[in-house]
Structure formats: C-alpha cells, structure tokens
Amino acid sequence: QVHLVESGGGLVQAGGPLRLSCSASGRTFNMYTMGWFRPAPGKEREFLASISRIGNTTAYAGSAKGRFTISRDNNKNTLYLEMNSLKPEDTAVYYCGGDSAGAKVVVINPDEYNYWGQGTQVTVSS
C-alpha cells in the first residue's frame, strides 16, 4: 500500500513554469507505475502523463506533450511534473496516481490506478 501527497501547486502567470511533486510513503514506490491527471469537462480524471516503475518509459497526452515533463526519483520516493508555458486552461486540481498491478509499462486509463493523492490546485492567471 502507498500513501500519496501532492505539493507544489499555486498561482502562476500564463507562460510561467511550475513543478509539482508527489511524495509517496512506504518502501515500495518503485513497484508502482505512476501518473498525473486533472479533471476535464465530462471526465473526473484526464490523463496527462505516466512513467514506468524505473522511470525509463514515459507517455503524454497531447495537451501535455512538449510542455510537461514527468519524472521520478525512486530514492526519494517522489514523482514530479515539470510544467512550462502554462496557460489559463491548465487551471485545475492536479492528482498523482499509482498503479500497483504492473500489467503495463505506462498506464493511461485512470480506472487502472488504485491509489490517488488528495490533489494540489494550480491556478494560471492571464
């Protein structure tokens, strides 16, 4: 079992950067495929990015590709999301998720994640 806590959200001007962190409890963080999500119209969780257990494979949604970078430090039990060129439409609560199944290298479907953090608010002003 893993407990996830996001941090790093806040108010940022359009075009600016922000780095989100997701700290995980427990000693088995490297057994979880991780991902970042946010709500979207009609969706409780919209996929943004996912990273494999050892961090060598990543996947991005079209809205994130080229602007967001997912990474992890398994020694620190921490997942990151570097966000650049932020837009007002990026305003949302951002959630990290963990999938312990290990069936896929990266996981895009939020229904396949079995652990979630409480979310961190990102607000982008125009």
N, C-alpha and C. Protein backbone atom coordinates (compact mmCIF):
# COMPACT_ATOMS: atom_id res chain seq x y z
N GLN A 1 0.84 -1.17 0.00
CA GLN A 1 0.00 0.00 0.00
C GLN A 1 0.89 1.24 0.00
N VAL A 2 0.41 2.32 -0.64
CA VAL A 2 1.18 3.55 -0.72
C VAL A 2 0.25 4.72 -0.45
N HIS A 3 0.77 5.73 0.24
CA HIS A 3 0.04 6.96 0.50
C HIS A 3 0.70 8.08 -0.28
N LEU A 4 -0.10 8.79 -1.08
CA LEU A 4 0.44 9.80 -1.98
C LEU A 4 0.01 11.20 -1.54
N VAL A 5 0.96 12.13 -1.57
CA VAL A 5 0.67 13.51 -1.19
C VAL A 5 1.28 14.45 -2.22
N GLU A 6 0.43 15.19 -2.91
CA GLU A 6 0.90 16.16 -3.89
C GLU A 6 1.24 17.49 -3.22
N SER A 7 2.15 18.23 -3.85
CA SER A 7 2.50 19.57 -3.40
C SER A 7 3.05 20.35 -4.58
N GLY A 8 3.23 21.63 -4.38
CA GLY A 8 3.84 22.45 -5.41
C GLY A 8 2.87 23.29 -6.21
N GLY A 9 1.58 23.09 -5.99
CA GLY A 9 0.61 23.89 -6.71
C GLY A 9 0.62 25.33 -6.23
N GLY A 10 -0.07 26.19 -6.97
CA GLY A 10 -0.14 27.59 -6.59
C GLY A 10 -0.62 28.44 -7.73
N LEU A 11 -0.41 29.75 -7.57
CA LEU A 11 -0.82 30.72 -8.58
C LEU A 11 0.40 31.10 -9.43
N VAL A 12 0.25 31.02 -10.73
CA VAL A 12 1.35 31.35 -11.63
C VAL A 12 0.78 32.12 -12.82
N GLN A 13 1.59 33.01 -13.38
CA GLN A 13 1.16 33.75 -14.56
C GLN A 13 1.26 32.90 -15.81
N ALA A 14 0.41 33.20 -16.75
CA ALA A 14 0.45 32.49 -18.02
C ALA A 14 1.85 32.60 -18.63
N GLY A 15 2.31 31.48 -19.16
CA GLY A 15 3.64 31.41 -19.73
C GLY A 15 4.70 30.97 -18.74
N GLY A 16 4.35 30.94 -17.48
CA GLY A 16 5.32 30.60 -16.46
C GLY A 16 5.43 29.12 -16.20
N PRO A 17 6.44 28.73 -15.40
CA PRO A 17 6.64 27.32 -15.05
C PRO A 17 6.13 27.01 -13.64
N LEU A 18 5.96 25.73 -13.41
CA LEU A 18 5.59 25.25 -12.08
C LEU A 18 6.00 23.79 -12.00
N ARG A 19 6.50 23.36 -10.85
CA ARG A 19 6.85 21.96 -10.66
C ARG A 19 6.01 21.37 -9.55
N LEU A 20 5.31 20.33 -9.87
CA LEU A 20 4.53 19.60 -8.88
C LEU A 20 5.32 18.40 -8.39
N SER A 21 5.10 18.07 -7.13
CA SER A 21 5.71 16.89 -6.55
C SER A 21 4.64 15.98 -5.97
N CYS A 22 4.94 14.72 -5.93
CA CYS A 22 4.04 13.73 -5.34
C CYS A 22 4.90 12.81 -4.48
N SER A 23 4.79 12.96 -3.17
CA SER A 23 5.60 12.15 -2.26
C SER A 23 4.84 10.90 -1.86
N ALA A 24 5.53 9.79 -1.86
CA ALA A 24 4.91 8.51 -1.55
C ALA A 24 5.49 7.93 -0.28
N SER A 25 4.62 7.38 0.55
CA SER A 25 5.07 6.70 1.75
C SER A 25 5.42 5.26 1.40
N GLY A 26 6.05 4.58 2.32
CA GLY A 26 6.34 3.17 2.10
C GLY A 26 7.65 2.96 1.38
N ARG A 27 8.06 1.71 1.31
CA ARG A 27 9.36 1.37 0.73
C ARG A 27 9.26 0.72 -0.64
N THR A 28 8.05 0.73 -1.21
CA THR A 28 7.87 0.02 -2.47
C THR A 28 7.46 0.96 -3.60
N PHE A 29 7.86 2.23 -3.52
CA PHE A 29 7.48 3.21 -4.54
C PHE A 29 7.87 2.73 -5.92
N ASN A 30 9.02 2.06 -6.04
CA ASN A 30 9.48 1.64 -7.35
C ASN A 30 8.68 0.47 -7.93
N MET A 31 7.69 0.00 -7.19
CA MET A 31 6.82 -1.07 -7.70
C MET A 31 5.55 -0.49 -8.32
N TYR A 32 5.43 0.85 -8.37
CA TYR A 32 4.23 1.48 -8.87
C TYR A 32 4.49 2.23 -10.16
N THR A 33 3.68 1.95 -11.16
CA THR A 33 3.61 2.84 -12.31
C THR A 33 2.85 4.08 -11.85
N MET A 34 3.35 5.25 -12.22
CA MET A 34 2.77 6.49 -11.72
C MET A 34 2.24 7.35 -12.85
N GLY A 35 1.33 8.23 -12.48
CA GLY A 35 0.76 9.12 -13.48
C GLY A 35 0.25 10.41 -12.87
N TRP A 36 0.05 11.39 -13.73
CA TRP A 36 -0.55 12.67 -13.36
C TRP A 36 -1.85 12.85 -14.14
N PHE A 37 -2.83 13.38 -13.42
CA PHE A 37 -4.15 13.59 -14.02
C PHE A 37 -4.74 14.90 -13.53
N ARG A 38 -5.75 15.37 -14.22
CA ARG A 38 -6.53 16.52 -13.77
C ARG A 38 -7.95 16.35 -14.28
N PRO A 39 -8.90 17.01 -13.65
CA PRO A 39 -10.28 16.91 -14.15
C PRO A 39 -10.43 17.64 -15.48
N ALA A 40 -11.39 17.21 -16.25
CA ALA A 40 -11.71 17.86 -17.52
C ALA A 40 -13.22 17.76 -17.72
N PRO A 41 -13.78 18.62 -18.56
CA PRO A 41 -15.23 18.56 -18.80
C PRO A 41 -15.67 17.16 -19.17
N GLY A 42 -16.56 16.61 -18.38
CA GLY A 42 -17.06 15.27 -18.65
C GLY A 42 -16.19 14.15 -18.14
N LYS A 43 -15.05 14.49 -17.53
CA LYS A 43 -14.13 13.47 -17.03
C LYS A 43 -13.70 13.82 -15.62
N GLU A 44 -13.75 12.83 -14.76
CA GLU A 44 -13.25 13.05 -13.40
C GLU A 44 -11.74 13.18 -13.40
N ARG A 45 -11.09 12.39 -14.24
CA ARG A 45 -9.63 12.40 -14.32
C ARG A 45 -9.22 12.33 -15.79
N GLU A 46 -8.54 13.35 -16.26
CA GLU A 46 -8.00 13.36 -17.62
C GLU A 46 -6.52 13.03 -17.54
N PHE A 47 -6.10 12.08 -18.36
CA PHE A 47 -4.69 11.66 -18.37
C PHE A 47 -3.80 12.78 -18.87
N LEU A 48 -2.68 12.97 -18.17
CA LEU A 48 -1.66 13.92 -18.60
C LEU A 48 -0.35 13.22 -18.94
N ALA A 49 0.13 12.40 -18.00
CA ALA A 49 1.43 11.76 -18.21
C ALA A 49 1.54 10.54 -17.31
N SER A 50 2.33 9.59 -17.77
CA SER A 50 2.60 8.39 -16.98
C SER A 50 4.07 8.02 -17.12
N ILE A 51 4.59 7.35 -16.10
CA ILE A 51 6.00 6.96 -16.11
C ILE A 51 6.12 5.55 -15.55
N SER A 52 7.02 4.79 -16.14
CA SER A 52 7.21 3.41 -15.73
C SER A 52 7.87 3.32 -14.36
N ARG A 53 7.91 2.11 -13.85
CA ARG A 53 8.41 1.88 -12.49
C ARG A 53 9.84 2.38 -12.30
N ILE A 54 10.69 2.17 -13.29
CA ILE A 54 12.08 2.60 -13.11
C ILE A 54 12.36 3.91 -13.84
N GLY A 55 11.33 4.50 -14.43
CA GLY A 55 11.45 5.83 -15.00
C GLY A 55 12.02 5.90 -16.39
N ASN A 56 12.15 4.76 -17.06
CA ASN A 56 12.80 4.80 -18.38
C ASN A 56 11.81 4.91 -19.53
N THR A 57 10.51 4.86 -19.21
CA THR A 57 9.48 4.98 -20.24
C THR A 57 8.42 5.97 -19.76
N THR A 58 8.04 6.88 -20.65
CA THR A 58 7.01 7.87 -20.33
C THR A 58 5.98 7.94 -21.44
N ALA A 59 4.82 8.46 -21.10
CA ALA A 59 3.76 8.68 -22.08
C ALA A 59 3.06 9.98 -21.71
N TYR A 60 2.63 10.70 -22.74
CA TYR A 60 1.99 12.00 -22.52
C TYR A 60 0.72 12.13 -23.34
N ALA A 61 -0.22 12.88 -22.77
CA ALA A 61 -1.38 13.28 -23.53
C ALA A 61 -0.98 14.40 -24.48
N GLY A 62 -1.76 14.59 -25.51
CA GLY A 62 -1.44 15.64 -26.46
C GLY A 62 -1.37 17.01 -25.82
N SER A 63 -2.22 17.25 -24.82
CA SER A 63 -2.24 18.55 -24.17
C SER A 63 -1.00 18.81 -23.33
N ALA A 64 -0.29 17.75 -22.98
CA ALA A 64 0.90 17.86 -22.13
C ALA A 64 2.20 17.75 -22.90
N LYS A 65 2.16 17.09 -24.02
CA LYS A 65 3.38 16.82 -24.75
C LYS A 65 4.07 18.11 -25.19
N GLY A 66 5.34 18.18 -24.91
CA GLY A 66 6.12 19.36 -25.28
C GLY A 66 6.13 20.45 -24.22
N ARG A 67 5.19 20.43 -23.29
CA ARG A 67 5.14 21.44 -22.24
C ARG A 67 5.37 20.85 -20.85
N PHE A 68 4.92 19.62 -20.64
CA PHE A 68 5.04 18.97 -19.34
C PHE A 68 6.05 17.84 -19.41
N THR A 69 6.77 17.63 -18.31
CA THR A 69 7.71 16.53 -18.21
C THR A 69 7.49 15.78 -16.91
N ILE A 70 7.25 14.49 -17.02
CA ILE A 70 7.08 13.64 -15.84
C ILE A 70 8.41 12.97 -15.54
N SER A 71 8.73 12.88 -14.26
CA SER A 71 9.95 12.19 -13.84
C SER A 71 9.74 11.65 -12.45
N ARG A 72 10.66 10.82 -12.02
CA ARG A 72 10.57 10.25 -10.67
C ARG A 72 11.96 10.03 -10.11
N ASP A 73 12.04 10.10 -8.79
CA ASP A 73 13.27 9.78 -8.07
C ASP A 73 12.90 8.69 -7.08
N ASN A 74 13.21 7.46 -7.43
CA ASN A 74 12.82 6.34 -6.56
C ASN A 74 13.58 6.33 -5.24
N ASN A 75 14.74 6.97 -5.22
CA ASN A 75 15.50 7.05 -3.96
C ASN A 75 14.81 7.99 -2.98
N LYS A 76 14.06 8.96 -3.53
CA LYS A 76 13.36 9.92 -2.69
C LYS A 76 11.86 9.63 -2.61
N ASN A 77 11.43 8.54 -3.24
CA ASN A 77 10.00 8.18 -3.25
C ASN A 77 9.14 9.34 -3.74
N THR A 78 9.59 10.01 -4.78
CA THR A 78 8.91 11.21 -5.25
C THR A 78 8.71 11.20 -6.76
N LEU A 79 7.53 11.61 -7.15
CA LEU A 79 7.16 11.79 -8.55
C LEU A 79 7.07 13.29 -8.82
N TYR A 80 7.44 13.70 -10.03
CA TYR A 80 7.43 15.13 -10.37
C TYR A 80 6.66 15.36 -11.68
N LEU A 81 6.15 16.58 -11.80
CA LEU A 81 5.61 17.04 -13.07
C LEU A 81 6.09 18.47 -13.28
N GLU A 82 7.03 18.61 -14.22
CA GLU A 82 7.52 19.94 -14.59
C GLU A 82 6.57 20.49 -15.65
N MET A 83 6.02 21.66 -15.38
CA MET A 83 5.08 22.26 -16.32
C MET A 83 5.64 23.59 -16.80
N ASN A 84 5.67 23.79 -18.09
CA ASN A 84 6.17 25.02 -18.69
C ASN A 84 5.10 25.60 -19.62
N SER A 85 5.31 26.87 -19.95
CA SER A 85 4.39 27.56 -20.86
C SER A 85 2.94 27.35 -20.44
N LEU A 86 2.69 27.58 -19.18
CA LEU A 86 1.35 27.32 -18.65
C LEU A 86 0.32 28.27 -19.24
N LYS A 87 -0.88 27.76 -19.41
CA LYS A 87 -1.98 28.51 -19.99
C LYS A 87 -3.12 28.58 -18.97
N PRO A 88 -3.97 29.59 -19.08
CA PRO A 88 -5.11 29.66 -18.16
C PRO A 88 -5.95 28.38 -18.16
N GLU A 89 -6.04 27.73 -19.30
CA GLU A 89 -6.83 26.49 -19.37
C GLU A 89 -6.17 25.32 -18.66
N ASP A 90 -4.93 25.50 -18.18
CA ASP A 90 -4.29 24.47 -17.35
C ASP A 90 -4.74 24.57 -15.90
N THR A 91 -5.50 25.59 -15.57
CA THR A 91 -6.01 25.74 -14.21
C THR A 91 -6.86 24.54 -13.84
N ALA A 92 -6.49 23.87 -12.74
CA ALA A 92 -7.18 22.66 -12.31
C ALA A 92 -6.54 22.16 -11.02
N VAL A 93 -7.18 21.17 -10.43
CA VAL A 93 -6.55 20.39 -9.37
C VAL A 93 -5.81 19.24 -10.04
N TYR A 94 -4.55 19.08 -9.70
CA TYR A 94 -3.72 18.04 -10.29
C TYR A 94 -3.53 16.90 -9.29
N TYR A 95 -3.74 15.68 -9.79
CA TYR A 95 -3.66 14.49 -8.97
C TYR A 95 -2.57 13.55 -9.47
N CYS A 96 -1.86 12.95 -8.53
CA CYS A 96 -0.97 11.87 -8.91
C CYS A 96 -1.64 10.54 -8.56
N GLY A 97 -1.35 9.55 -9.35
CA GLY A 97 -1.93 8.23 -9.14
C GLY A 97 -0.87 7.16 -9.20
N GLY A 98 -1.13 6.07 -8.53
CA GLY A 98 -0.21 4.93 -8.52
C GLY A 98 -0.93 3.65 -8.90
N ASP A 99 -0.30 2.88 -9.76
CA ASP A 99 -0.87 1.61 -10.19
C ASP A 99 0.08 0.50 -9.78
N SER A 100 -0.39 -0.40 -8.96
CA SER A 100 0.47 -1.46 -8.43
C SER A 100 0.38 -2.75 -9.25
N ALA A 101 -0.50 -2.78 -10.24
CA ALA A 101 -0.74 -4.05 -10.94
C ALA A 101 0.48 -4.52 -11.73
N GLY A 102 1.19 -3.58 -12.33
CA GLY A 102 2.37 -3.97 -13.08
C GLY A 102 2.08 -4.62 -14.42
N ALA A 103 0.82 -4.52 -14.86
CA ALA A 103 0.47 -5.18 -16.12
C ALA A 103 0.96 -4.39 -17.34
N LYS A 104 1.14 -3.08 -17.17
CA LYS A 104 1.56 -2.23 -18.28
C LYS A 104 2.74 -1.37 -17.87
N VAL A 105 3.55 -1.03 -18.83
CA VAL A 105 4.74 -0.23 -18.54
C VAL A 105 4.32 1.19 -18.15
N VAL A 106 3.39 1.77 -18.90
CA VAL A 106 2.77 3.04 -18.55
C VAL A 106 1.27 2.85 -18.58
N VAL A 107 0.55 3.66 -17.82
CA VAL A 107 -0.89 3.46 -17.69
C VAL A 107 -1.60 4.77 -17.98
N ILE A 108 -2.50 4.74 -18.94
CA ILE A 108 -3.20 5.94 -19.38
C ILE A 108 -4.61 6.01 -18.77
N ASN A 109 -5.24 4.88 -18.57
CA ASN A 109 -6.61 4.82 -18.08
C ASN A 109 -6.65 5.07 -16.58
N PRO A 110 -7.32 6.12 -16.12
CA PRO A 110 -7.35 6.39 -14.67
C PRO A 110 -8.02 5.27 -13.87
N ASP A 111 -8.90 4.52 -14.49
CA ASP A 111 -9.58 3.43 -13.79
C ASP A 111 -8.62 2.31 -13.39
N GLU A 112 -7.44 2.30 -13.98
CA GLU A 112 -6.46 1.26 -13.66
C GLU A 112 -5.56 1.65 -12.49
N TYR A 113 -5.71 2.87 -12.01
CA TYR A 113 -4.91 3.30 -10.87
C TYR A 113 -5.66 2.96 -9.58
N ASN A 114 -4.95 2.42 -8.61
CA ASN A 114 -5.60 2.06 -7.37
C ASN A 114 -5.21 2.94 -6.19
N TYR A 115 -4.34 3.89 -6.39
CA TYR A 115 -4.00 4.83 -5.33
C TYR A 115 -3.98 6.25 -5.90
N TRP A 116 -4.50 7.19 -5.09
CA TRP A 116 -4.56 8.58 -5.51
C TRP A 116 -4.18 9.50 -4.36
N GLY A 117 -3.58 10.63 -4.73
CA GLY A 117 -3.34 11.67 -3.75
C GLY A 117 -4.58 12.54 -3.61
N GLN A 118 -4.47 13.56 -2.76
CA GLN A 118 -5.61 14.42 -2.48
C GLN A 118 -5.70 15.58 -3.47
N GLY A 119 -4.66 15.79 -4.26
CA GLY A 119 -4.66 16.83 -5.28
C GLY A 119 -4.00 18.12 -4.81
N THR A 120 -3.49 18.88 -5.77
CA THR A 120 -2.92 20.18 -5.49
C THR A 120 -3.44 21.16 -6.55
N GLN A 121 -3.87 22.33 -6.11
CA GLN A 121 -4.51 23.30 -7.00
C GLN A 121 -3.46 24.10 -7.77
N VAL A 122 -3.65 24.17 -9.07
CA VAL A 122 -2.84 25.02 -9.93
C VAL A 122 -3.77 26.05 -10.57
N THR A 123 -3.40 27.31 -10.41
CA THR A 123 -4.18 28.39 -11.00
C THR A 123 -3.27 29.23 -11.88
N VAL A 124 -3.63 29.36 -13.13
CA VAL A 124 -2.83 30.12 -14.09
C VAL A 124 -3.60 31.38 -14.46
N SER A 125 -3.01 32.52 -14.16
CA SER A 125 -3.67 33.79 -14.44
C SER A 125 -3.25 34.32 -15.80
N SER A 126 -4.16 34.99 -16.45
CA SER A 126 -3.88 35.52 -17.79
C SER A 126 -3.31 36.92 -17.72
